[in-house]
N, C-alpha and C. Protein backbone atom coordinates (compact mmCIF):
# COMPACT_ATOMS: atom_id res chain seq x y z
N UNK A 1 204.82 39.85 5.82
CA UNK A 1 203.53 39.73 6.43
C UNK A 1 203.67 39.03 7.60
N UNK A 2 202.63 39.36 8.60
CA UNK A 2 202.57 38.70 9.81
C UNK A 2 201.05 38.28 10.20
N UNK A 3 201.24 37.41 11.25
CA UNK A 3 200.09 36.72 11.66
C UNK A 3 199.44 37.64 12.85
N UNK A 4 198.10 37.98 12.96
CA UNK A 4 197.72 38.99 13.99
C UNK A 4 196.51 38.25 14.51
N UNK A 5 196.27 38.46 15.83
CA UNK A 5 195.02 37.98 16.63
C UNK A 5 193.97 38.79 16.41
N UNK A 6 192.74 38.19 16.22
CA UNK A 6 191.56 38.78 16.30
C UNK A 6 190.51 38.70 17.35
N UNK A 7 191.36 38.06 18.41
CA UNK A 7 190.40 37.75 19.49
C UNK A 7 189.97 38.84 20.28
N UNK A 8 190.46 40.11 20.29
CA UNK A 8 189.73 41.33 20.83
C UNK A 8 188.39 41.45 20.14
N UNK A 9 188.37 41.40 19.05
CA UNK A 9 187.02 41.54 18.21
C UNK A 9 186.03 40.45 18.45
N UNK A 10 186.51 39.46 18.59
CA UNK A 10 185.68 38.22 18.83
C UNK A 10 184.93 38.31 20.38
N UNK A 11 185.82 38.63 21.16
CA UNK A 11 185.25 38.74 22.62
C UNK A 11 184.45 39.97 22.83
N UNK A 12 184.84 41.29 22.07
CA UNK A 12 183.91 42.33 22.37
C UNK A 12 182.54 42.15 21.67
N UNK A 13 182.79 41.58 20.51
CA UNK A 13 181.38 41.24 19.81
C UNK A 13 180.42 40.16 20.82
N UNK A 14 181.08 39.51 21.47
CA UNK A 14 180.25 38.54 22.57
C UNK A 14 180.11 39.25 23.88
N UNK A 15 180.51 40.43 24.04
CA UNK A 15 180.60 40.81 25.39
C UNK A 15 181.22 39.87 26.48
N UNK A 16 182.27 39.32 26.03
CA UNK A 16 182.83 38.27 26.96
C UNK A 16 183.94 39.14 27.49
N UNK A 17 184.55 38.68 28.74
CA UNK A 17 185.68 39.15 29.15
C UNK A 17 186.88 38.18 29.10
N UNK A 18 188.11 38.64 29.10
CA UNK A 18 189.21 37.89 29.01
C UNK A 18 189.26 36.82 30.15
N UNK A 19 188.72 37.28 31.40
CA UNK A 19 188.82 36.39 32.45
C UNK A 19 187.77 35.11 32.39
N UNK A 20 186.63 35.40 31.53
CA UNK A 20 185.58 34.41 31.25
C UNK A 20 186.32 33.32 30.30
N UNK A 21 187.01 33.93 29.35
CA UNK A 21 187.55 33.01 28.49
C UNK A 21 188.66 32.35 29.02
N UNK A 22 189.45 32.89 29.95
CA UNK A 22 190.46 32.00 30.71
C UNK A 22 189.82 30.89 31.39
N UNK A 23 188.67 31.00 32.19
CA UNK A 23 188.06 30.04 32.87
C UNK A 23 187.58 29.06 31.95
N UNK A 24 186.86 29.38 30.83
CA UNK A 24 186.39 28.40 29.91
C UNK A 24 187.46 27.51 29.21
N UNK A 25 188.61 28.11 29.07
CA UNK A 25 189.75 27.41 28.24
C UNK A 25 190.86 26.68 29.37
N UNK A 26 190.97 27.19 30.21
CA UNK A 26 192.10 26.82 31.31
C UNK A 26 193.46 27.46 30.85
N UNK A 27 193.50 28.58 29.98
CA UNK A 27 194.59 29.30 29.54
C UNK A 27 194.83 30.27 30.56
N UNK A 28 195.96 30.69 31.06
CA UNK A 28 196.37 31.55 31.92
C UNK A 28 195.95 32.90 31.35
N UNK A 29 195.41 33.80 32.48
CA UNK A 29 194.74 35.04 32.01
C UNK A 29 195.81 36.09 31.40
N UNK A 30 197.20 35.81 31.81
CA UNK A 30 198.11 36.74 30.99
C UNK A 30 198.26 36.26 29.42
N UNK A 31 198.10 35.06 29.25
CA UNK A 31 198.21 34.57 27.63
C UNK A 31 197.02 35.11 27.13
N UNK A 32 195.93 34.97 27.71
CA UNK A 32 194.78 35.45 27.08
C UNK A 32 194.95 36.92 26.83
N UNK A 33 195.46 37.69 27.68
CA UNK A 33 195.61 39.12 27.53
C UNK A 33 196.37 39.45 26.54
N UNK A 34 197.68 38.61 26.37
CA UNK A 34 198.53 38.77 25.16
C UNK A 34 197.86 38.64 23.72
N UNK A 35 197.07 37.45 23.78
CA UNK A 35 196.29 37.22 22.35
C UNK A 35 195.35 38.58 22.19
N UNK A 36 194.69 38.96 23.14
CA UNK A 36 193.83 40.01 23.03
C UNK A 36 194.54 41.27 22.58
N UNK A 37 195.44 41.60 22.99
CA UNK A 37 196.10 42.74 22.71
C UNK A 37 197.14 42.43 21.55
N UNK A 38 197.15 41.36 20.84
CA UNK A 38 197.85 40.96 19.80
C UNK A 38 199.40 41.30 20.00
N UNK A 39 199.70 40.93 21.19
CA UNK A 39 201.24 41.10 21.60
C UNK A 39 202.18 39.77 21.62
N UNK A 40 201.49 38.85 21.23
CA UNK A 40 202.26 37.53 21.29
C UNK A 40 203.13 37.42 20.16
N UNK A 41 204.54 36.83 20.24
CA UNK A 41 205.20 36.70 19.16
C UNK A 41 205.07 35.30 18.47
N UNK A 42 204.37 34.40 19.31
CA UNK A 42 204.09 33.22 18.81
C UNK A 42 202.99 32.84 19.28
N UNK A 43 202.10 31.85 18.57
CA UNK A 43 200.73 31.51 19.16
C UNK A 43 200.79 29.98 19.06
N UNK A 44 200.50 29.48 20.45
CA UNK A 44 200.52 28.06 20.74
C UNK A 44 199.21 27.40 20.15
N UNK A 45 199.29 26.48 19.30
CA UNK A 45 198.29 25.85 18.54
C UNK A 45 197.30 25.19 19.45
N UNK A 46 197.73 24.55 20.55
CA UNK A 46 196.75 24.29 21.52
C UNK A 46 195.81 25.13 22.05
N UNK A 47 196.50 26.15 22.52
CA UNK A 47 195.63 27.37 22.92
C UNK A 47 194.84 27.94 22.01
N UNK A 48 195.26 28.18 20.75
CA UNK A 48 194.10 28.38 19.43
C UNK A 48 193.07 27.41 19.19
N UNK A 49 193.29 26.23 19.63
CA UNK A 49 192.22 25.25 19.44
C UNK A 49 191.29 25.38 20.46
N UNK A 50 191.93 25.56 21.92
CA UNK A 50 190.99 25.80 23.07
C UNK A 50 190.09 26.93 22.98
N UNK A 51 190.75 28.10 22.44
CA UNK A 51 189.91 29.38 22.31
C UNK A 51 188.97 29.21 21.28
N UNK A 52 189.08 28.32 20.20
CA UNK A 52 188.00 28.30 18.94
C UNK A 52 187.13 27.49 19.53
N UNK A 53 187.44 26.40 20.33
CA UNK A 53 186.48 25.46 20.72
C UNK A 53 185.50 26.13 21.88
N UNK A 54 186.00 27.02 22.83
CA UNK A 54 185.19 27.70 23.60
C UNK A 54 184.37 28.75 23.04
N UNK A 55 184.76 29.40 21.86
CA UNK A 55 183.97 30.44 21.30
C UNK A 55 182.96 29.60 20.03
N UNK A 56 183.12 28.48 19.93
CA UNK A 56 182.39 27.74 18.73
C UNK A 56 182.70 28.37 17.51
N UNK A 57 183.83 28.33 17.37
CA UNK A 57 184.39 28.85 15.91
C UNK A 57 185.05 27.81 15.21
N UNK A 58 184.63 27.61 14.11
CA UNK A 58 185.15 26.42 13.32
C UNK A 58 185.83 27.07 11.94
N UNK A 59 185.99 28.48 11.97
CA UNK A 59 186.76 28.82 10.87
C UNK A 59 187.86 30.11 11.49
N UNK A 60 189.12 29.32 11.37
CA UNK A 60 190.29 30.17 11.91
C UNK A 60 190.57 31.57 11.54
N UNK A 61 189.95 31.90 10.28
CA UNK A 61 190.03 33.27 9.99
C UNK A 61 189.30 34.18 10.88
N UNK A 62 188.45 33.70 11.77
CA UNK A 62 187.77 34.58 12.78
C UNK A 62 188.79 34.91 13.91
N UNK A 63 189.77 34.15 14.04
CA UNK A 63 190.70 34.39 15.02
C UNK A 63 191.95 34.93 14.68
N UNK A 64 192.46 34.79 13.50
CA UNK A 64 193.58 35.12 12.97
C UNK A 64 193.62 35.72 11.57
N UNK A 65 194.50 36.68 11.34
CA UNK A 65 194.64 37.32 10.06
C UNK A 65 196.13 37.46 9.69
N UNK A 66 196.24 37.27 8.28
CA UNK A 66 197.62 37.61 7.94
C UNK A 66 197.62 38.98 7.27
N UNK A 67 198.59 39.87 7.65
CA UNK A 67 198.84 41.20 6.84
C UNK A 67 200.14 41.46 7.05
């Protein structure tokens, strides 16, 4: 089983760009892009917290899935 990012689905549902999320979180655009495309091999907990806060998410299952 592996952990997968659901950031693409969250941003698409909100009609929000990766660039907008980068500005809101202070996370580099390339890092947001990697999360969006689920290509990160490890996920920084601090980044995950910033993304959740910026998107007003309080349930981590909206950002990550284990499959």
